[in-house]
C-alpha cells in the first residue's frame, strides 16, 4: 500500500489509498457519516504526530470516501 503525507490547514496527515480488493469490512466516513461498504476504494488517514507514525496509530486512523477526503477543507466533519 502506498502512503503519502499531505499538508492541510489542520496539520499534516499520512494518507493511504485503499483498493477495493483490500477493503474487506465496512467503515463509517467521518466526512459524510455514511457507510463505506466492503470492496469500495477509499482513503485511510491519520495525523503525522500519531504515536506510531509508520503503523498508523490505530486509534487515530479514519476511513474516508475519496471525495469526502478531498472536500474536507470545504466542510466540517459530521
N, C-alpha and C. Protein backbone atom coordinates (compact mmCIF):
# COMPACT_ATOMS: atom_id res chain seq x y z
N UNK A 1 0.83 -1.18 0.00
CA UNK A 1 0.00 0.00 0.00
C UNK A 1 0.88 1.24 0.00
N UNK A 2 0.43 2.22 -0.75
CA UNK A 2 1.20 3.44 -0.91
C UNK A 2 0.72 4.51 0.05
N UNK A 3 1.65 5.11 0.80
CA UNK A 3 1.31 6.17 1.74
C UNK A 3 2.00 7.46 1.32
N UNK A 4 1.31 8.57 1.49
CA UNK A 4 1.88 9.89 1.26
C UNK A 4 1.59 10.75 2.47
N UNK A 5 2.27 11.88 2.58
CA UNK A 5 2.00 12.85 3.62
C UNK A 5 1.40 14.08 2.94
N UNK A 6 0.23 14.51 3.44
CA UNK A 6 -0.46 15.67 2.88
C UNK A 6 -0.56 16.75 3.95
N UNK A 7 -0.35 17.99 3.54
CA UNK A 7 -0.49 19.13 4.45
C UNK A 7 -1.86 19.76 4.26
N UNK A 8 -2.55 19.95 5.38
CA UNK A 8 -3.87 20.58 5.40
C UNK A 8 -3.83 21.66 6.46
N UNK A 9 -4.81 22.58 6.47
CA UNK A 9 -4.82 23.63 7.50
C UNK A 9 -4.81 23.07 8.92
N UNK A 10 -5.32 21.85 9.12
CA UNK A 10 -5.33 21.27 10.47
C UNK A 10 -4.13 20.38 10.74
N UNK A 11 -3.11 20.44 9.92
CA UNK A 11 -1.89 19.69 10.17
C UNK A 11 -1.49 18.79 9.02
N UNK A 12 -0.48 17.96 9.28
CA UNK A 12 -0.01 17.01 8.28
C UNK A 12 -0.61 15.64 8.57
N UNK A 13 -1.01 14.98 7.48
CA UNK A 13 -1.70 13.70 7.58
C UNK A 13 -1.00 12.64 6.72
N UNK A 14 -0.88 11.45 7.25
CA UNK A 14 -0.45 10.31 6.46
C UNK A 14 -1.70 9.80 5.77
N UNK A 15 -1.64 9.60 4.46
CA UNK A 15 -2.79 9.19 3.68
C UNK A 15 -2.46 7.90 2.94
N UNK A 16 -3.30 6.92 3.09
CA UNK A 16 -3.13 5.62 2.42
C UNK A 16 -4.36 5.39 1.54
N UNK A 17 -4.14 5.14 0.26
CA UNK A 17 -5.23 4.84 -0.66
C UNK A 17 -5.46 3.33 -0.66
N UNK A 18 -6.68 2.94 -0.34
CA UNK A 18 -7.06 1.53 -0.23
C UNK A 18 -7.81 1.12 -1.50
N UNK A 19 -7.42 0.02 -2.08
CA UNK A 19 -8.12 -0.50 -3.26
C UNK A 19 -9.37 -1.27 -2.81
N UNK A 20 -10.27 -1.47 -3.72
CA UNK A 20 -11.48 -2.23 -3.40
C UNK A 20 -11.17 -3.63 -2.92
N UNK A 21 -10.18 -4.27 -3.53
CA UNK A 21 -9.87 -5.65 -3.14
C UNK A 21 -9.23 -5.72 -1.76
N UNK A 22 -8.65 -4.62 -1.28
CA UNK A 22 -8.03 -4.61 0.04
C UNK A 22 -9.01 -4.21 1.14
N UNK A 23 -10.19 -3.78 0.75
CA UNK A 23 -11.20 -3.33 1.71
C UNK A 23 -12.16 -4.48 1.99
N UNK A 24 -12.08 -5.05 3.19
CA UNK A 24 -12.85 -6.25 3.49
C UNK A 24 -13.98 -6.06 4.50
N UNK A 25 -14.12 -4.87 5.07
CA UNK A 25 -15.21 -4.64 6.02
C UNK A 25 -15.71 -3.21 5.88
N UNK A 26 -16.91 -2.94 6.39
CA UNK A 26 -17.48 -1.59 6.27
C UNK A 26 -16.86 -0.63 7.29
N UNK A 27 -16.84 0.64 6.92
CA UNK A 27 -16.37 1.71 7.80
C UNK A 27 -17.33 2.88 7.67
N UNK A 28 -17.38 3.74 8.68
CA UNK A 28 -18.20 4.95 8.61
C UNK A 28 -17.28 6.13 8.31
N UNK A 29 -17.61 6.85 7.23
CA UNK A 29 -16.84 8.01 6.80
C UNK A 29 -17.13 9.20 7.72
N UNK A 30 -16.09 9.83 8.31
CA UNK A 30 -16.34 10.99 9.17
C UNK A 30 -16.75 12.24 8.39
N UNK A 31 -16.55 12.24 7.09
CA UNK A 31 -16.91 13.41 6.29
C UNK A 31 -18.39 13.52 6.02
N UNK A 32 -19.05 12.40 5.75
CA UNK A 32 -20.48 12.42 5.40
C UNK A 32 -21.32 11.58 6.34
N UNK A 33 -20.67 10.85 7.26
CA UNK A 33 -21.34 9.99 8.23
C UNK A 33 -22.11 8.85 7.56
N UNK A 34 -21.70 8.46 6.36
CA UNK A 34 -22.31 7.34 5.65
C UNK A 34 -21.34 6.15 5.66
N UNK A 35 -21.88 4.97 5.43
CA UNK A 35 -21.05 3.77 5.42
C UNK A 35 -20.23 3.67 4.12
N UNK A 36 -19.02 3.16 4.27
CA UNK A 36 -18.18 2.78 3.14
C UNK A 36 -18.29 1.26 3.07
N UNK A 37 -18.98 0.71 2.08
CA UNK A 37 -19.17 -0.74 2.04
C UNK A 37 -17.86 -1.49 1.76
N UNK A 38 -17.79 -2.76 2.14
CA UNK A 38 -16.63 -3.58 1.78
C UNK A 38 -16.42 -3.53 0.26
N UNK A 39 -15.19 -3.70 -0.17
CA UNK A 39 -14.79 -3.73 -1.58
C UNK A 39 -14.93 -2.37 -2.26
N UNK A 40 -14.97 -1.29 -1.46
CA UNK A 40 -15.04 0.06 -2.01
C UNK A 40 -13.69 0.76 -1.83
N UNK A 41 -13.10 1.25 -2.92
CA UNK A 41 -11.86 2.01 -2.77
C UNK A 41 -12.11 3.24 -1.89
N UNK A 42 -11.17 3.55 -1.00
CA UNK A 42 -11.32 4.70 -0.12
C UNK A 42 -9.95 5.13 0.39
N UNK A 43 -9.94 6.10 1.30
CA UNK A 43 -8.72 6.67 1.86
C UNK A 43 -8.70 6.40 3.36
N UNK A 44 -7.53 6.06 3.89
CA UNK A 44 -7.33 5.98 5.34
C UNK A 44 -6.32 7.08 5.68
N UNK A 45 -6.65 7.89 6.68
CA UNK A 45 -5.77 9.00 7.04
C UNK A 45 -5.62 9.07 8.56
N UNK A 46 -4.43 9.54 8.99
CA UNK A 46 -4.16 9.75 10.41
C UNK A 46 -3.10 10.82 10.53
N UNK A 47 -3.07 11.55 11.66
CA UNK A 47 -2.10 12.62 11.84
C UNK A 47 -0.67 12.10 11.86
N UNK A 48 0.23 12.87 11.29
CA UNK A 48 1.65 12.50 11.30
C UNK A 48 2.13 12.36 12.74
N UNK A 49 1.59 13.15 13.65
CA UNK A 49 2.02 13.13 15.05
C UNK A 49 1.54 11.91 15.82
N UNK A 50 0.86 10.98 15.17
CA UNK A 50 0.38 9.78 15.86
C UNK A 50 1.53 9.08 16.55
N UNK A 51 1.25 8.41 17.66
CA UNK A 51 2.31 7.73 18.40
C UNK A 51 3.11 6.74 17.54
N UNK A 52 2.47 6.08 16.61
CA UNK A 52 3.17 5.13 15.75
C UNK A 52 3.01 5.58 14.30
N UNK A 53 3.89 6.45 13.85
CA UNK A 53 3.80 7.04 12.51
C UNK A 53 3.66 5.97 11.44
N UNK A 54 4.55 4.99 11.40
CA UNK A 54 4.52 4.02 10.31
C UNK A 54 3.43 2.98 10.51
N UNK A 55 3.01 2.73 11.74
CA UNK A 55 1.92 1.80 11.99
C UNK A 55 0.56 2.46 11.86
N UNK A 56 0.55 3.75 11.89
CA UNK A 56 -0.67 4.47 11.64
C UNK A 56 -1.54 4.76 12.84
N UNK A 57 -1.05 4.65 14.04
CA UNK A 57 -1.85 4.99 15.22
C UNK A 57 -3.28 4.52 15.10
N UNK A 58 -3.53 3.26 15.35
CA UNK A 58 -4.83 2.64 15.12
C UNK A 58 -5.98 3.48 15.67
N UNK A 59 -5.82 4.08 16.84
CA UNK A 59 -6.90 4.86 17.44
C UNK A 59 -7.20 6.14 16.67
N UNK A 60 -6.26 6.61 15.87
CA UNK A 60 -6.45 7.87 15.16
C UNK A 60 -6.73 7.70 13.66
N UNK A 61 -6.67 6.48 13.16
CA UNK A 61 -6.95 6.27 11.74
C UNK A 61 -8.43 6.43 11.45
N UNK A 62 -8.72 7.09 10.34
CA UNK A 62 -10.11 7.25 9.90
C UNK A 62 -10.21 6.86 8.44
N UNK A 63 -11.28 6.19 8.10
CA UNK A 63 -11.55 5.75 6.73
C UNK A 63 -12.52 6.74 6.09
N UNK A 64 -12.12 7.30 4.95
CA UNK A 64 -12.90 8.34 4.27
C UNK A 64 -13.24 7.90 2.85
N UNK A 65 -14.43 8.31 2.37
CA UNK A 65 -14.68 8.23 0.93
C UNK A 65 -13.64 9.15 0.28
N UNK A 66 -13.18 8.81 -0.89
CA UNK A 66 -12.16 9.64 -1.55
C UNK A 66 -12.66 11.06 -1.77
N UNK A 67 -13.91 11.21 -2.21
CA UNK A 67 -14.45 12.54 -2.44
C UNK A 67 -14.59 13.35 -1.16
N UNK A 68 -14.98 12.69 -0.08
CA UNK A 68 -15.10 13.37 1.21
C UNK A 68 -13.75 13.84 1.71
N UNK A 69 -12.71 13.03 1.52
CA UNK A 69 -11.37 13.43 1.94
C UNK A 69 -10.93 14.67 1.15
N UNK A 70 -11.15 14.67 -0.15
CA UNK A 70 -10.75 15.81 -0.97
C UNK A 70 -11.53 17.07 -0.61
N UNK A 71 -12.78 16.93 -0.15
CA UNK A 71 -13.63 18.08 0.16
C UNK A 71 -13.56 18.50 1.62
N UNK A 72 -12.75 17.84 2.42
CA UNK A 72 -12.79 18.07 3.85
C UNK A 72 -12.40 19.49 4.25
N UNK A 73 -11.64 20.19 3.43
CA UNK A 73 -11.28 21.56 3.71
C UNK A 73 -12.43 22.54 3.51
N UNK A 74 -13.46 22.10 2.79
CA UNK A 74 -14.60 22.96 2.49
C UNK A 74 -15.78 22.74 3.43
N UNK A 75 -15.71 21.70 4.27
CA UNK A 75 -16.82 21.45 5.20
C UNK A 75 -16.29 20.79 6.45
N UNK A 76 -17.11 20.81 7.48
CA UNK A 76 -16.74 20.22 8.76
C UNK A 76 -17.16 18.76 8.81
N UNK A 77 -16.38 17.90 9.49
CA UNK A 77 -16.83 16.52 9.67
C UNK A 77 -18.12 16.49 10.47
N UNK A 78 -18.93 15.45 10.20
CA UNK A 78 -20.21 15.30 10.93
C UNK A 78 -20.00 14.42 12.13
